[in-house]
């Protein structure tokens, strides 16, 4: 089976393979793990395996597998609206009604909930009604970073698949392949800071490669303790929209926090954070973290970008 395309999690993959080879398909699977742990990858592989028309499913080569992985299989339905903070009860009710329409091309019909933890109690209760007595062909894949956010009655009707950190000897070659120009120190730091989860490590490395000009200038000015250079960075940002300013300040906060951790002896993914950690004292960096947190609190309170930047021009060490 092609579950091997999911990094690590050997025991989970073996158990799934044996279960599916015996024809044991549950009506509900609860796939658990933090952001970047591979929940969506596993969900698509499991969906492909259930709908596969080839040998040794998921074969990843038959039309059904390709459609699932491409996101256009009519019997693999995603229940979500990324534009909304929660999974609305209306979406769940629509899925509940739709499941009684028989599959279009397969023997099963699969409903994927990428943000199961964002279903409110009314939505979970609406889903519970069909989880208790689904049609024989119905399968639900619930993805969550915290199963405790779901009702015990929902959890009890699902087979729980918990994703584990990937061993370093598997994760590092995977990261090297995707970031060929990055040194071993950065790769190892990303693996550690990401808790062994591929998506988190990849995001950390990608963020380091795509630092904005403002972040680079900020790191250089703060490292040198150059108030004039900080002013030159912040002054143009006084006219930014609040959302853009918030995003930039969050990036700076992560940088200074990582520099502080580096100063304390922890591995840092960003070369700029390591440099900043060498240039400033732990006390300076701690003050910088507090200032940036306060600035973000101001933006959350609808303080104008000009006033927030003015505060940082005055307060940053």
C-alpha atoms as a PDB file:
ATOM      1  CA  UNK A   1       0.000   0.000   0.000  1.00  0.00           C
ATOM      2  CA  UNK A   2       1.073   3.553  -0.674  1.00  0.00           C
ATOM      3  CA  UNK A   3       0.599   4.713   2.917  1.00  0.00           C
ATOM      4  CA  UNK A   4       4.395   4.838   2.874  1.00  0.00           C
ATOM      5  CA  UNK A   5       4.146   8.302   1.312  1.00  0.00           C
ATOM      6  CA  UNK A   6       3.147   9.466   4.801  1.00  0.00           C
ATOM      7  CA  UNK A   7       6.335  10.049   6.795  1.00  0.00           C
ATOM      8  CA  UNK A   8       6.883   8.023   9.952  1.00  0.00           C
ATOM      9  CA  UNK A   9       3.928   6.551  11.871  1.00  0.00           C
ATOM     10  CA  UNK A  10       4.948   2.987  11.023  1.00  0.00           C
ATOM     11  CA  UNK A  11       2.615   1.236  13.455  1.00  0.00           C
ATOM     12  CA  UNK A  12      -0.402   3.313  12.438  1.00  0.00           C
ATOM     13  CA  UNK A  13       0.213   2.569   8.751  1.00  0.00           C
ATOM     14  CA  UNK A  14       0.646  -1.142   9.403  1.00  0.00           C
ATOM     15  CA  UNK A  15      -2.585  -1.277  11.390  1.00  0.00           C
ATOM     16  CA  UNK A  16      -4.498   0.573   8.674  1.00  0.00           C
ATOM     17  CA  UNK A  17      -3.074  -1.650   5.955  1.00  0.00           C
ATOM     18  CA  UNK A  18      -4.053  -4.844   7.768  1.00  0.00           C
ATOM     19  CA  UNK A  19      -7.517  -3.529   8.531  1.00  0.00           C
ATOM     20  CA  UNK A  20      -8.245  -2.487   4.949  1.00  0.00           C
ATOM     21  CA  UNK A  21      -6.841  -5.737   3.523  1.00  0.00           C
ATOM     22  CA  UNK A  22      -9.450  -7.545   5.627  1.00  0.00           C
ATOM     23  CA  UNK A  23     -12.162  -5.243   4.277  1.00  0.00           C
ATOM     24  CA  UNK A  24     -12.701  -3.546   7.632  1.00  0.00           C
ATOM     25  CA  UNK A  25     -13.774   0.024   6.892  1.00  0.00           C
ATOM     26  CA  UNK A  26     -15.111   2.094   9.760  1.00  0.00           C
ATOM     27  CA  UNK A  27     -17.932   4.589   9.348  1.00  0.00           C
ATOM     28  CA  UNK A  28     -15.895   7.146  11.289  1.00  0.00           C
ATOM     29  CA  UNK A  29     -12.192   7.951  11.626  1.00  0.00           C
ATOM     30  CA  UNK A  30     -10.878  10.601  14.008  1.00  0.00           C
ATOM     31  CA  UNK A  31      -7.451  11.698  12.748  1.00  0.00           C
ATOM     32  CA  UNK A  32      -5.607  13.556  15.505  1.00  0.00           C
ATOM     33  CA  UNK A  33      -2.389  15.554  15.578  1.00  0.00           C
ATOM     34  CA  UNK A  34      -1.057  19.112  15.797  1.00  0.00           C
ATOM     35  CA  UNK A  35      -0.817  21.463  12.834  1.00  0.00           C
ATOM     36  CA  UNK A  36       1.663  20.107  10.303  1.00  0.00           C
ATOM     37  CA  UNK A  37       1.553  16.517  11.551  1.00  0.00           C
ATOM     38  CA  UNK A  38       0.164  15.094   8.285  1.00  0.00           C
ATOM     39  CA  UNK A  39      -3.553  14.852   9.082  1.00  0.00           C
ATOM     40  CA  UNK A  40      -4.667  15.958   5.613  1.00  0.00           C
ATOM     41  CA  UNK A  41      -2.111  13.702   3.934  1.00  0.00           C
ATOM     42  CA  UNK A  42      -3.346  10.692   5.874  1.00  0.00           C
ATOM     43  CA  UNK A  43      -6.990  11.612   5.225  1.00  0.00           C
ATOM     44  CA  UNK A  44      -6.452  11.755   1.461  1.00  0.00           C
ATOM     45  CA  UNK A  45      -4.459   8.511   1.439  1.00  0.00           C
ATOM     46  CA  UNK A  46      -7.158   6.793   3.479  1.00  0.00           C
ATOM     47  CA  UNK A  47      -9.858   8.211   1.213  1.00  0.00           C
ATOM     48  CA  UNK A  48      -7.941   7.036  -1.853  1.00  0.00           C
ATOM     49  CA  UNK A  49      -7.537   3.572  -0.315  1.00  0.00           C
ATOM     50  CA  UNK A  50     -11.276   3.260   0.336  1.00  0.00           C
ATOM     51  CA  UNK A  51     -12.276   4.461  -3.146  1.00  0.00           C
ATOM     52  CA  UNK A  52      -9.351   2.860  -5.048  1.00  0.00           C
ATOM     53  CA  UNK A  53     -10.159   0.709  -8.099  1.00  0.00           C
ATOM     54  CA  UNK A  54      -6.658  -0.699  -8.556  1.00  0.00           C
ATOM     55  CA  UNK A  55      -4.659  -3.399  -6.822  1.00  0.00           C
ATOM     56  CA  UNK A  56      -3.068  -2.906  -3.391  1.00  0.00           C
ATOM     57  CA  UNK A  57      -5.037   0.230  -2.512  1.00  0.00           C
ATOM     58  CA  UNK A  58      -4.266   3.021  -2.448  1.00  0.00           C
ATOM     59  CA  UNK A  59      -2.455   2.333  -5.714  1.00  0.00           C
ATOM     60  CA  UNK A  60      -2.253   6.106  -6.418  1.00  0.00           C
ATOM     61  CA  UNK A  61      -2.381   5.349 -10.140  1.00  0.00           C
ATOM     62  CA  UNK A  62      -6.002   4.496 -10.894  1.00  0.00           C
ATOM     63  CA  UNK A  63      -8.479   7.251 -11.872  1.00  0.00           C
ATOM     64  CA  UNK A  64     -10.189   7.084  -8.470  1.00  0.00           C
ATOM     65  CA  UNK A  65      -6.948   7.600  -6.537  1.00  0.00           C
ATOM     66  CA  UNK A  66      -5.862  10.430  -8.816  1.00  0.00           C
ATOM     67  CA  UNK A  67      -9.221  12.143  -8.386  1.00  0.00           C
ATOM     68  CA  UNK A  68      -9.085  11.914  -4.601  1.00  0.00           C
ATOM     69  CA  UNK A  69      -5.546  13.267  -4.464  1.00  0.00           C
ATOM     70  CA  UNK A  70      -6.478  15.962  -6.964  1.00  0.00           C
ATOM     71  CA  UNK A  71      -9.505  17.009  -4.945  1.00  0.00           C
ATOM     72  CA  UNK A  72     -12.128  16.296  -7.608  1.00  0.00           C
ATOM     73  CA  UNK A  73     -13.626  12.895  -6.790  1.00  0.00           C
ATOM     74  CA  UNK A  74     -17.440  13.212  -6.586  1.00  0.00           C
ATOM     75  CA  UNK A  75     -17.598  10.732  -3.691  1.00  0.00           C
ATOM     76  CA  UNK A  76     -14.905  12.471  -1.614  1.00  0.00           C
ATOM     77  CA  UNK A  77     -16.575  15.569  -0.193  1.00  0.00           C
ATOM     78  CA  UNK A  78     -14.883  18.241   1.926  1.00  0.00           C
ATOM     79  CA  UNK A  79     -17.169  19.822   4.517  1.00  0.00           C
ATOM     80  CA  UNK A  80     -15.685  23.230   5.279  1.00  0.00           C
ATOM     81  CA  UNK A  81     -15.820  26.927   4.483  1.00  0.00           C
ATOM     82  CA  UNK A  82     -12.324  28.397   4.987  1.00  0.00           C
ATOM     83  CA  UNK A  83     -13.807  31.907   4.944  1.00  0.00           C
ATOM     84  CA  UNK A  84     -15.538  31.242   8.273  1.00  0.00           C
ATOM     85  CA  UNK A  85     -13.971  30.742  11.679  1.00  0.00           C
ATOM     86  CA  UNK A  86     -16.272  27.856  12.523  1.00  0.00           C
ATOM     87  CA  UNK A  87     -17.819  24.929  10.690  1.00  0.00           C
ATOM     88  CA  UNK A  88     -21.436  26.047  10.607  1.00  0.00           C
ATOM     89  CA  UNK A  89     -24.292  23.769  11.538  1.00  0.00           C
ATOM     90  CA  UNK A  90     -25.850  24.459   8.115  1.00  0.00           C
ATOM     91  CA  UNK A  91     -22.836  22.872   6.371  1.00  0.00           C
ATOM     92  CA  UNK A  92     -23.119  19.815   8.588  1.00  0.00           C
ATOM     93  CA  UNK A  93     -26.848  19.490   7.975  1.00  0.00           C
ATOM     94  CA  UNK A  94     -26.248  19.702   4.216  1.00  0.00           C
ATOM     95  CA  UNK A  95     -23.705  16.880   4.464  1.00  0.00           C
ATOM     96  CA  UNK A  96     -26.117  14.876   6.606  1.00  0.00           C
ATOM     97  CA  UNK A  97     -28.813  15.175   3.950  1.00  0.00           C
ATOM     98  CA  UNK A  98     -26.426  14.541   1.066  1.00  0.00           C
ATOM     99  CA  UNK A  99     -25.116  11.285   2.485  1.00  0.00           C
ATOM    100  CA  UNK A 100     -28.446   9.607   1.740  1.00  0.00           C
ATOM    101  CA  UNK A 101     -27.812  10.208  -1.968  1.00  0.00           C
ATOM    102  CA  UNK A 102     -25.964   7.091  -3.075  1.00  0.00           C
ATOM    103  CA  UNK A 103     -22.329   7.269  -4.257  1.00  0.00           C
ATOM    104  CA  UNK A 104     -21.706   8.515  -7.766  1.00  0.00           C
ATOM    105  CA  UNK A 105     -18.762   6.376  -8.866  1.00  0.00           C
ATOM    106  CA  UNK A 106     -17.780   4.162  -5.936  1.00  0.00           C
ATOM    107  CA  UNK A 107     -18.984   1.759  -3.281  1.00  0.00           C
ATOM    108  CA  UNK A 108     -18.462   4.375  -0.573  1.00  0.00           C
ATOM    109  CA  UNK A 109     -19.079   8.046  -0.025  1.00  0.00           C
ATOM    110  CA  UNK A 110     -16.581   9.924   2.147  1.00  0.00           C
ATOM    111  CA  UNK A 111     -17.015  13.211   4.007  1.00  0.00           C
ATOM    112  CA  UNK A 112     -13.860  14.969   5.166  1.00  0.00           C
ATOM    113  CA  UNK A 113     -14.086  17.517   8.008  1.00  0.00           C
ATOM    114  CA  UNK A 114     -10.668  19.293   8.027  1.00  0.00           C
ATOM    115  CA  UNK A 115     -11.532  21.367  11.131  1.00  0.00           C
ATOM    116  CA  UNK A 116     -13.643  19.049  13.253  1.00  0.00           C
ATOM    117  CA  UNK A 117     -12.623  20.894  16.421  1.00  0.00           C
ATOM    118  CA  UNK A 118     -14.288  24.023  15.041  1.00  0.00           C
ATOM    119  CA  UNK A 119     -17.741  22.460  15.002  1.00  0.00           C
ATOM    120  CA  UNK A 120     -19.943  23.930  17.722  1.00  0.00           C
ATOM    121  CA  UNK A 121     -22.169  21.799  19.929  1.00  0.00           C
ATOM    122  CA  UNK A 122     -25.201  22.156  17.599  1.00  0.00           C
ATOM    123  CA  UNK A 123     -23.051  21.037  14.667  1.00  0.00           C
ATOM    124  CA  UNK A 124     -21.597  18.089  16.560  1.00  0.00           C
ATOM    125  CA  UNK A 125     -25.053  16.999  17.654  1.00  0.00           C
ATOM    126  CA  UNK A 126     -26.272  17.279  14.054  1.00  0.00           C
ATOM    127  CA  UNK A 127     -23.363  15.082  12.917  1.00  0.00           C
ATOM    128  CA  UNK A 128     -23.924  12.636  15.762  1.00  0.00           C
ATOM    129  CA  UNK A 129     -27.374  11.771  14.414  1.00  0.00           C
ATOM    130  CA  UNK A 130     -25.898  10.358  11.221  1.00  0.00           C
ATOM    131  CA  UNK A 131     -22.781   8.917  12.899  1.00  0.00           C
ATOM    132  CA  UNK A 132     -25.056   6.749  15.031  1.00  0.00           C
ATOM    133  CA  UNK A 133     -26.863   5.184  12.063  1.00  0.00           C
ATOM    134  CA  UNK A 134     -25.051   5.993   8.796  1.00  0.00           C
ATOM    135  CA  UNK A 135     -25.884   4.297   5.511  1.00  0.00           C
ATOM    136  CA  UNK A 136     -23.653   1.306   4.808  1.00  0.00           C
ATOM    137  CA  UNK A 137     -21.574   3.216   2.260  1.00  0.00           C
ATOM    138  CA  UNK A 138     -20.996   6.337   4.421  1.00  0.00           C
ATOM    139  CA  UNK A 139     -17.555   7.206   5.849  1.00  0.00           C
ATOM    140  CA  UNK A 140     -16.615  10.278   7.905  1.00  0.00           C
ATOM    141  CA  UNK A 141     -13.045  11.521   8.310  1.00  0.00           C
ATOM    142  CA  UNK A 142     -12.780  14.005  11.188  1.00  0.00           C
ATOM    143  CA  UNK A 143      -9.494  15.895  11.510  1.00  0.00           C
ATOM    144  CA  UNK A 144      -8.642  17.627  14.768  1.00  0.00           C
ATOM    145  CA  UNK A 145      -5.678  19.014  16.664  1.00  0.00           C
ATOM    146  CA  UNK A 146      -7.441  18.252  19.949  1.00  0.00           C
ATOM    147  CA  UNK A 147      -9.955  15.390  20.214  1.00  0.00           C
ATOM    148  CA  UNK A 148     -11.046  16.676  23.635  1.00  0.00           C
ATOM    149  CA  UNK A 149     -12.852  19.504  21.830  1.00  0.00           C
ATOM    150  CA  UNK A 150     -15.293  16.927  20.445  1.00  0.00           C
ATOM    151  CA  UNK A 151     -18.175  15.370  22.321  1.00  0.00           C
ATOM    152  CA  UNK A 152     -17.372  11.997  23.931  1.00  0.00           C
ATOM    153  CA  UNK A 153     -20.298  10.526  21.984  1.00  0.00           C
ATOM    154  CA  UNK A 154     -18.718  11.670  18.701  1.00  0.00           C
ATOM    155  CA  UNK A 155     -15.282  10.336  19.672  1.00  0.00           C
ATOM    156  CA  UNK A 156     -16.698   6.984  20.750  1.00  0.00           C
ATOM    157  CA  UNK A 157     -18.179   6.361  17.292  1.00  0.00           C
ATOM    158  CA  UNK A 158     -14.865   6.844  15.496  1.00  0.00           C
ATOM    159  CA  UNK A 159     -11.640   4.876  15.140  1.00  0.00           C
ATOM    160  CA  UNK A 160      -8.956   7.201  16.472  1.00  0.00           C
ATOM    161  CA  UNK A 161      -5.784   7.591  14.373  1.00  0.00           C
ATOM    162  CA  UNK A 162      -3.207   9.640  16.288  1.00  0.00           C
ATOM    163  CA  UNK A 163      -0.213  10.917  14.317  1.00  0.00           C
ATOM    164  CA  UNK A 164       3.186  10.829  16.007  1.00  0.00           C
ATOM    165  CA  UNK A 165       6.389  12.883  15.520  1.00  0.00           C
ATOM    166  CA  UNK A 166       8.587  11.619  12.704  1.00  0.00           C
ATOM    167  CA  UNK A 167      11.997  10.183  13.686  1.00  0.00           C
ATOM    168  CA  UNK A 168      14.837  12.559  12.889  1.00  0.00           C
ATOM    169  CA  UNK A 169      16.567  10.073  10.579  1.00  0.00           C
ATOM    170  CA  UNK A 170      13.475  10.183   8.328  1.00  0.00           C
ATOM    171  CA  UNK A 171      12.584  13.838   8.736  1.00  0.00           C
ATOM    172  CA  UNK A 172      15.987  15.369   7.973  1.00  0.00           C
ATOM    173  CA  UNK A 173      16.391  13.755   4.486  1.00  0.00           C
ATOM    174  CA  UNK A 174      12.820  14.834   3.680  1.00  0.00           C
ATOM    175  CA  UNK A 175      13.653  18.429   4.635  1.00  0.00           C
ATOM    176  CA  UNK A 176      16.980  18.328   2.755  1.00  0.00           C
ATOM    177  CA  UNK A 177      15.149  17.356  -0.422  1.00  0.00           C
ATOM    178  CA  UNK A 178      12.811  20.347  -0.125  1.00  0.00           C
ATOM    179  CA  UNK A 179      15.402  22.876   1.060  1.00  0.00           C
ATOM    180  CA  UNK A 180      18.620  21.906  -0.766  1.00  0.00           C
ATOM    181  CA  UNK A 181      20.377  25.194  -0.013  1.00  0.00           C
ATOM    182  CA  UNK A 182      19.791  25.130   3.732  1.00  0.00           C
ATOM    183  CA  UNK A 183      22.524  24.012   6.127  1.00  0.00           C
ATOM    184  CA  UNK A 184      22.327  21.116   8.555  1.00  0.00           C
ATOM    185  CA  UNK A 185      22.161  23.457  11.545  1.00  0.00           C
ATOM    186  CA  UNK A 186      18.990  25.122  10.257  1.00  0.00           C
ATOM    187  CA  UNK A 187      17.421  21.797   9.252  1.00  0.00           C
ATOM    188  CA  UNK A 188      18.115  20.267  12.640  1.00  0.00           C
ATOM    189  CA  UNK A 189      16.779  23.350  14.414  1.00  0.00           C
ATOM    190  CA  UNK A 190      13.588  23.234  12.338  1.00  0.00           C
ATOM    191  CA  UNK A 191      13.106  19.547  13.114  1.00  0.00           C
ATOM    192  CA  UNK A 192      13.511  20.223  16.825  1.00  0.00           C
ATOM    193  CA  UNK A 193      11.359  23.354  16.984  1.00  0.00           C
ATOM    194  CA  UNK A 194       8.700  21.681  14.869  1.00  0.00           C
ATOM    195  CA  UNK A 195       8.427  18.884  17.405  1.00  0.00           C
ATOM    196  CA  UNK A 196       9.264  16.290  14.756  1.00  0.00           C
ATOM    197  CA  UNK A 197       6.232  17.154  12.642  1.00  0.00           C
ATOM    198  CA  UNK A 198       7.054  17.689   8.928  1.00  0.00           C
ATOM    199  CA  UNK A 199       4.584  20.497   8.217  1.00  0.00           C
ATOM    200  CA  UNK A 200       5.748  22.577  11.160  1.00  0.00           C
ATOM    201  CA  UNK A 201       9.418  22.140  10.283  1.00  0.00           C
ATOM    202  CA  UNK A 202       8.726  23.002   6.643  1.00  0.00           C
ATOM    203  CA  UNK A 203       6.813  26.151   7.639  1.00  0.00           C
ATOM    204  CA  UNK A 204       9.671  27.311   9.856  1.00  0.00           C
ATOM    205  CA  UNK A 205      12.213  26.869   7.056  1.00  0.00           C
ATOM    206  CA  UNK A 206       9.948  28.511   4.474  1.00  0.00           C
ATOM    207  CA  UNK A 207       9.429  31.512   6.764  1.00  0.00           C
ATOM    208  CA  UNK A 208      13.181  31.913   7.061  1.00  0.00           C
ATOM    209  CA  UNK A 209      13.571  31.937   3.284  1.00  0.00           C
ATOM    210  CA  UNK A 210      10.832  34.502   2.721  1.00  0.00           C
ATOM    211  CA  UNK A 211      11.653  37.133   5.357  1.00  0.00           C
ATOM    212  CA  UNK A 212      10.297  40.517   4.246  1.00  0.00           C
ATOM    213  CA  UNK A 213      12.605  43.499   3.598  1.00  0.00           C
ATOM    214  CA  UNK A 214      11.109  45.145   6.693  1.00  0.00           C
ATOM    215  CA  UNK A 215      12.032  42.115   8.815  1.00  0.00           C
ATOM    216  CA  UNK A 216      15.595  42.065   7.521  1.00  0.00           C
ATOM    217  CA  UNK A 217      15.987  45.796   8.137  1.00  0.00           C
ATOM    218  CA  UNK A 218      14.366  45.465  11.567  1.00  0.00           C
ATOM    219  CA  UNK A 219      16.726  42.643  12.583  1.00  0.00           C
ATOM    220  CA  UNK A 220      19.760  44.618  11.445  1.00  0.00           C
ATOM    221  CA  UNK A 221      18.665  47.825  13.213  1.00  0.00           C
ATOM    222  CA  UNK A 222      17.686  46.090  16.438  1.00  0.00           C
ATOM    223  CA  UNK A 223      20.882  44.057  16.488  1.00  0.00           C
ATOM    224  CA  UNK A 224      22.967  47.210  16.137  1.00  0.00           C
ATOM    225  CA  UNK A 225      20.829  49.128  18.642  1.00  0.00           C
ATOM    226  CA  UNK A 226      20.458  51.814  15.972  1.00  0.00           C
ATOM    227  CA  UNK A 227      17.476  54.010  16.898  1.00  0.00           C
ATOM    228  CA  UNK A 228      17.674  56.002  13.669  1.00  0.00           C
ATOM    229  CA  UNK A 229      17.597  52.858  11.546  1.00  0.00           C
ATOM    230  CA  UNK A 230      14.593  51.580  13.541  1.00  0.00           C
ATOM    231  CA  UNK A 231      12.834  54.863  12.910  1.00  0.00           C
ATOM    232  CA  UNK A 232      13.522  54.532   9.177  1.00  0.00           C
ATOM    233  CA  UNK A 233      11.934  51.064   9.216  1.00  0.00           C
ATOM    234  CA  UNK A 234       8.889  52.045  11.277  1.00  0.00           C
ATOM    235  CA  UNK A 235       8.045  55.468   9.856  1.00  0.00           C
ATOM    236  CA  UNK A 236       6.720  54.223   6.464  1.00  0.00           C
ATOM    237  CA  UNK A 237       4.662  51.563   8.291  1.00  0.00           C
ATOM    238  CA  UNK A 238       2.618  54.227  10.094  1.00  0.00           C
ATOM    239  CA  UNK A 239       0.376  54.375   7.007  1.00  0.00           C
ATOM    240  CA  UNK A 240      -0.118  50.621   6.702  1.00  0.00           C
ATOM    241  CA  UNK A 241      -3.459  48.920   7.171  1.00  0.00           C
ATOM    242  CA  UNK A 242      -3.925  47.426  10.624  1.00  0.00           C
ATOM    243  CA  UNK A 243      -4.043  43.801   9.371  1.00  0.00           C
ATOM    244  CA  UNK A 244      -0.787  44.220   7.447  1.00  0.00           C
ATOM    245  CA  UNK A 245       0.891  45.806  10.448  1.00  0.00           C
ATOM    246  CA  UNK A 246      -0.320  43.007  12.727  1.00  0.00           C
ATOM    247  CA  UNK A 247       1.078  40.356  10.401  1.00  0.00           C
ATOM    248  CA  UNK A 248       4.453  42.128  10.294  1.00  0.00           C
ATOM    249  CA  UNK A 249       4.623  42.584  14.067  1.00  0.00           C
ATOM    250  CA  UNK A 250       3.821  38.884  14.570  1.00  0.00           C
ATOM    251  CA  UNK A 251       6.755  38.039  12.293  1.00  0.00           C
ATOM    252  CA  UNK A 252       9.053  40.330  14.299  1.00  0.00           C
ATOM    253  CA  UNK A 253       7.871  38.828  17.580  1.00  0.00           C
ATOM    254  CA  UNK A 254       8.698  35.317  16.351  1.00  0.00           C
ATOM    255  CA  UNK A 255      12.137  36.537  15.276  1.00  0.00           C
ATOM    256  CA  UNK A 256      12.972  38.156  18.623  1.00  0.00           C
ATOM    257  CA  UNK A 257      11.582  35.194  20.590  1.00  0.00           C
ATOM    258  CA  UNK A 258      13.750  32.855  18.547  1.00  0.00           C
ATOM    259  CA  UNK A 259      16.760  35.127  19.101  1.00  0.00           C
ATOM    260  CA  UNK A 260      16.103  35.020  22.847  1.00  0.00           C
ATOM    261  CA  UNK A 261      15.886  31.224  22.753  1.00  0.00           C
ATOM    262  CA  UNK A 262      19.122  31.122  20.753  1.00  0.00           C
ATOM    263  CA  UNK A 263      20.761  33.342  23.345  1.00  0.00           C
ATOM    264  CA  UNK A 264      19.726  30.760  25.932  1.00  0.00           C
ATOM    265  CA  UNK A 265      21.410  27.948  24.016  1.00  0.00           C
ATOM    266  CA  UNK A 266      18.501  26.568  22.008  1.00  0.00           C
ATOM    267  CA  UNK A 267      18.785  25.842  18.293  1.00  0.00           C
ATOM    268  CA  UNK A 268      17.441  28.601  16.025  1.00  0.00           C
ATOM    269  CA  UNK A 269      16.148  28.044  12.504  1.00  0.00           C
ATOM    270  CA  UNK A 270      16.676  31.613  11.318  1.00  0.00           C
ATOM    271  CA  UNK A 271      20.214  32.858  10.690  1.00  0.00           C
ATOM    272  CA  UNK A 272      18.897  36.369  11.445  1.00  0.00           C
ATOM    273  CA  UNK A 273      17.659  35.190  14.848  1.00  0.00           C
ATOM    274  CA  UNK A 274      21.026  33.600  15.624  1.00  0.00           C
ATOM    275  CA  UNK A 275      22.807  36.815  14.645  1.00  0.00           C
ATOM    276  CA  UNK A 276      20.426  38.906  16.731  1.00  0.00           C
ATOM    277  CA  UNK A 277      20.974  36.551  19.670  1.00  0.00           C
ATOM    278  CA  UNK A 278      24.724  37.147  19.442  1.00  0.00           C
ATOM    279  CA  UNK A 279      24.417  40.912  19.162  1.00  0.00           C
ATOM    280  CA  UNK A 280      22.005  41.685  22.016  1.00  0.00           C
ATOM    281  CA  UNK A 281      21.779  40.602  25.639  1.00  0.00           C
ATOM    282  CA  UNK A 282      19.003  38.349  26.932  1.00  0.00           C
ATOM    283  CA  UNK A 283      17.640  41.336  28.855  1.00  0.00           C
ATOM    284  CA  UNK A 284      17.478  43.454  25.690  1.00  0.00           C
ATOM    285  CA  UNK A 285      15.735  40.684  23.772  1.00  0.00           C
ATOM    286  CA  UNK A 286      13.254  40.073  26.576  1.00  0.00           C
ATOM    287  CA  UNK A 287      12.375  43.759  26.559  1.00  0.00           C
ATOM    288  CA  UNK A 288      11.937  43.572  22.801  1.00  0.00           C
ATOM    289  CA  UNK A 289       9.517  40.644  23.179  1.00  0.00           C
ATOM    290  CA  UNK A 290       7.469  42.586  25.737  1.00  0.00           C
ATOM    291  CA  UNK A 291       7.380  45.704  23.529  1.00  0.00           C
ATOM    292  CA  UNK A 292       6.196  43.755  20.493  1.00  0.00           C
ATOM    293  CA  UNK A 293       3.540  41.941  22.525  1.00  0.00           C
ATOM    294  CA  UNK A 294       2.297  45.292  23.791  1.00  0.00           C
ATOM    295  CA  UNK A 295       2.240  46.666  20.246  1.00  0.00           C
ATOM    296  CA  UNK A 296       0.143  43.687  19.121  1.00  0.00           C
ATOM    297  CA  UNK A 297      -2.211  44.268  22.044  1.00  0.00           C
ATOM    298  CA  UNK A 298      -2.599  47.848  20.854  1.00  0.00           C
ATOM    299  CA  UNK A 299      -3.431  46.737  17.302  1.00  0.00           C
ATOM    300  CA  UNK A 300      -6.039  44.314  18.716  1.00  0.00           C
ATOM    301  CA  UNK A 301      -7.550  47.271  20.589  1.00  0.00           C
ATOM    302  CA  UNK A 302      -7.900  49.281  17.356  1.00  0.00           C
ATOM    303  CA  UNK A 303      -5.091  51.704  18.152  1.00  0.00           C
ATOM    304  CA  UNK A 304      -4.044  53.405  14.916  1.00  0.00           C
ATOM    305  CA  UNK A 305      -0.989  52.027  13.065  1.00  0.00           C
ATOM    306  CA  UNK A 306       0.679  55.427  13.377  1.00  0.00           C
ATOM    307  CA  UNK A 307       0.349  55.377  17.155  1.00  0.00           C
ATOM    308  CA  UNK A 308       1.552  51.757  17.361  1.00  0.00           C
ATOM    309  CA  UNK A 309       4.641  52.515  15.278  1.00  0.00           C
ATOM    310  CA  UNK A 310       5.243  55.629  17.357  1.00  0.00           C
ATOM    311  CA  UNK A 311       5.149  53.510  20.506  1.00  0.00           C
ATOM    312  CA  UNK A 312       7.732  51.098  19.066  1.00  0.00           C
ATOM    313  CA  UNK A 313       9.978  53.937  17.941  1.00  0.00           C
ATOM    314  CA  UNK A 314      10.057  55.068  21.565  1.00  0.00           C
ATOM    315  CA  UNK A 315       9.992  51.744  23.424  1.00  0.00           C
ATOM    316  CA  UNK A 316      12.177  49.295  21.532  1.00  0.00           C
ATOM    317  CA  UNK A 317      15.626  48.767  23.085  1.00  0.00           C
END
